[in-house]
Every structure is written in C-alpha cells, then in structure tokens.
Amino acid sequence: MQRLYRVGYKGFVYTGFGMSGYYGKAFCYARQGEIAQAIDNLKKAIDIAPRLCRTEAKHNPDFDSIRDEEGFRALVEKGECRM
C-alpha cells in the first residue's frame, strides 16, 4: 500500500497539481482509508475536469472503500451527465 501511495504522489508532483495528479492522489488515499483526503483531492480533480472525473470515479474500484460516504456520493452525483 505504501508503494502505491508513493507512485501516486510522484504522479502528483510531476503533473504539477493537475487533474490526473489530484485524481491519482484521491484514489491512493481512498485505498488507504484516508476518507477526508480522498474526497478533498477528488473534489479538486472534479473542479478541473468535472465530467471525466465523475464518470471515472463512479466506476473505478479504487474508490469502493469510500463509495458509501456522503461526501463521495455528493461529488460524483452532482450535475449528472449522460454521455
């Protein structure tokens, strides 16, 4: 698990706080059970690319551990888009 976080963190550093960096950090935190940090970083990613991040987060199994959290549901269900 630590290795996954390090890989995600390096991605975060090299992408310069971009959408993929925040999204990657969010799912790393989710896999570690760090709910608040996961939701915070997912919100930042969604602020940058709402449609893409919401769609990805809904189906990404890395978020299974926080899927029932109110904050997660509020983020991914807000402004539902049909593709």
C-alpha atoms as a PDB file:
ATOM      1  CA  MET A   1       0.000   0.000   0.000  1.00  0.00           C
ATOM      2  CA  GLN A   2       2.804   2.446   0.787  1.00  0.00           C
ATOM      3  CA  ARG A   3       4.334   1.790  -2.618  1.00  0.00           C
ATOM      4  CA  LEU A   4       1.053   2.657  -4.324  1.00  0.00           C
ATOM      5  CA  TYR A   5       0.913   5.937  -2.435  1.00  0.00           C
ATOM      6  CA  ARG A   6       4.469   6.809  -3.432  1.00  0.00           C
ATOM      7  CA  VAL A   7       3.719   6.143  -7.091  1.00  0.00           C
ATOM      8  CA  GLY A   8       0.578   8.268  -6.851  1.00  0.00           C
ATOM      9  CA  TYR A   9       2.465  11.004  -5.065  1.00  0.00           C
ATOM     10  CA  LYS A  10       5.185  11.090  -7.715  1.00  0.00           C
ATOM     11  CA  GLY A  11       2.463  11.402 -10.335  1.00  0.00           C
ATOM     12  CA  PHE A  12       1.030  14.282  -8.337  1.00  0.00           C
ATOM     13  CA  VAL A  13       4.384  16.061  -8.218  1.00  0.00           C
ATOM     14  CA  TYR A  14       5.211  15.579 -11.880  1.00  0.00           C
ATOM     15  CA  THR A  15       1.799  16.612 -13.166  1.00  0.00           C
ATOM     16  CA  GLY A  16       2.038  19.926 -11.361  1.00  0.00           C
ATOM     17  CA  PHE A  17      -1.171  19.620  -9.337  1.00  0.00           C
ATOM     18  CA  GLY A  18      -3.203  18.877 -12.471  1.00  0.00           C
ATOM     19  CA  MET A  19      -6.380  16.860 -12.710  1.00  0.00           C
ATOM     20  CA  SER A  20      -4.644  13.498 -13.029  1.00  0.00           C
ATOM     21  CA  GLY A  21      -2.427  14.304 -10.062  1.00  0.00           C
ATOM     22  CA  TYR A  22      -5.352  15.126  -7.787  1.00  0.00           C
ATOM     23  CA  TYR A  23      -7.337  12.153  -9.091  1.00  0.00           C
ATOM     24  CA  GLY A  24      -4.412   9.785  -8.564  1.00  0.00           C
ATOM     25  CA  LYS A  25      -3.844  11.101  -5.089  1.00  0.00           C
ATOM     26  CA  ALA A  26      -7.568  10.712  -4.331  1.00  0.00           C
ATOM     27  CA  PHE A  27      -7.662   7.033  -5.193  1.00  0.00           C
ATOM     28  CA  CYS A  28      -4.426   6.375  -3.312  1.00  0.00           C
ATOM     29  CA  TYR A  29      -5.912   7.967  -0.199  1.00  0.00           C
ATOM     30  CA  ALA A  30      -9.146   6.017  -0.718  1.00  0.00           C
ATOM     31  CA  ARG A  31      -7.245   2.737  -0.867  1.00  0.00           C
ATOM     32  CA  GLN A  32      -5.511   3.660   2.398  1.00  0.00           C
ATOM     33  CA  GLY A  33      -8.807   4.526   4.091  1.00  0.00           C
ATOM     34  CA  GLU A  34      -7.980   8.238   4.350  1.00  0.00           C
ATOM     35  CA  ILE A  35     -11.515   9.374   3.571  1.00  0.00           C
ATOM     36  CA  ALA A  36     -11.206  13.140   4.067  1.00  0.00           C
ATOM     37  CA  GLN A  37      -8.032  13.407   1.981  1.00  0.00           C
ATOM     38  CA  ALA A  38      -9.518  11.193  -0.749  1.00  0.00           C
ATOM     39  CA  ILE A  39     -12.637  13.321  -1.013  1.00  0.00           C
ATOM     40  CA  ASP A  40     -10.683  16.582  -0.880  1.00  0.00           C
ATOM     41  CA  ASN A  41      -8.383  15.561  -3.731  1.00  0.00           C
ATOM     42  CA  LEU A  42     -11.251  14.124  -5.771  1.00  0.00           C
ATOM     43  CA  LYS A  43     -13.082  17.451  -5.414  1.00  0.00           C
ATOM     44  CA  LYS A  44     -10.021  19.283  -6.741  1.00  0.00           C
ATOM     45  CA  ALA A  45      -9.836  16.915  -9.719  1.00  0.00           C
ATOM     46  CA  ILE A  46     -13.565  17.336 -10.391  1.00  0.00           C
ATOM     47  CA  ASP A  47     -13.200  21.124 -10.256  1.00  0.00           C
ATOM     48  CA  ILE A  48     -10.703  20.848 -13.134  1.00  0.00           C
ATOM     49  CA  ALA A  49     -12.432  18.168 -15.248  1.00  0.00           C
ATOM     50  CA  PRO A  50     -15.931  17.520 -13.879  1.00  0.00           C
ATOM     51  CA  ARG A  51     -17.393  15.177 -16.469  1.00  0.00           C
ATOM     52  CA  LEU A  52     -14.333  12.971 -16.837  1.00  0.00           C
ATOM     53  CA  CYS A  53     -13.579  12.675 -13.127  1.00  0.00           C
ATOM     54  CA  ARG A  54     -17.154  11.992 -12.080  1.00  0.00           C
ATOM     55  CA  THR A  55     -17.518   9.272 -14.694  1.00  0.00           C
ATOM     56  CA  GLU A  56     -14.190   7.672 -13.802  1.00  0.00           C
ATOM     57  CA  ALA A  57     -14.780   7.834 -10.041  1.00  0.00           C
ATOM     58  CA  LYS A  58     -18.197   6.183 -10.356  1.00  0.00           C
ATOM     59  CA  HIS A  59     -16.682   3.106 -11.967  1.00  0.00           C
ATOM     60  CA  ASN A  60     -13.162   2.973 -10.507  1.00  0.00           C
ATOM     61  CA  PRO A  61     -12.899   0.103  -7.985  1.00  0.00           C
ATOM     62  CA  ASP A  62     -10.167   2.018  -6.138  1.00  0.00           C
ATOM     63  CA  PHE A  63     -12.980   4.138  -4.659  1.00  0.00           C
ATOM     64  CA  ASP A  64     -15.020   1.162  -3.405  1.00  0.00           C
ATOM     65  CA  SER A  65     -13.928   1.795   0.186  1.00  0.00           C
ATOM     66  CA  ILE A  66     -15.458   5.298   0.198  1.00  0.00           C
ATOM     67  CA  ARG A  67     -18.311   4.789  -2.280  1.00  0.00           C
ATOM     68  CA  ASP A  68     -20.944   4.889   0.502  1.00  0.00           C
ATOM     69  CA  GLU A  69     -19.548   8.060   2.074  1.00  0.00           C
ATOM     70  CA  GLU A  70     -21.900  11.028   1.784  1.00  0.00           C
ATOM     71  CA  GLY A  71     -19.102  13.321   0.571  1.00  0.00           C
ATOM     72  CA  PHE A  72     -18.143  10.923  -2.217  1.00  0.00           C
ATOM     73  CA  ARG A  73     -21.742  10.459  -3.353  1.00  0.00           C
ATOM     74  CA  ALA A  74     -22.318  14.213  -3.342  1.00  0.00           C
ATOM     75  CA  LEU A  75     -19.296  14.758  -5.579  1.00  0.00           C
ATOM     76  CA  VAL A  76     -19.986  12.067  -8.160  1.00  0.00           C
ATOM     77  CA  GLU A  77     -23.762  12.515  -8.336  1.00  0.00           C
ATOM     78  CA  LYS A  78     -23.694  16.307  -8.569  1.00  0.00           C
ATOM     79  CA  GLY A  79     -24.540  17.513 -12.062  1.00  0.00           C
ATOM     80  CA  GLU A  80     -25.015  14.050 -13.528  1.00  0.00           C
ATOM     81  CA  CYS A  81     -24.018  13.986 -17.172  1.00  0.00           C
ATOM     82  CA  ARG A  82     -25.106  11.471 -19.752  1.00  0.00           C
ATOM     83  CA  MET A  83     -22.507  10.527 -22.325  1.00  0.00           C
END
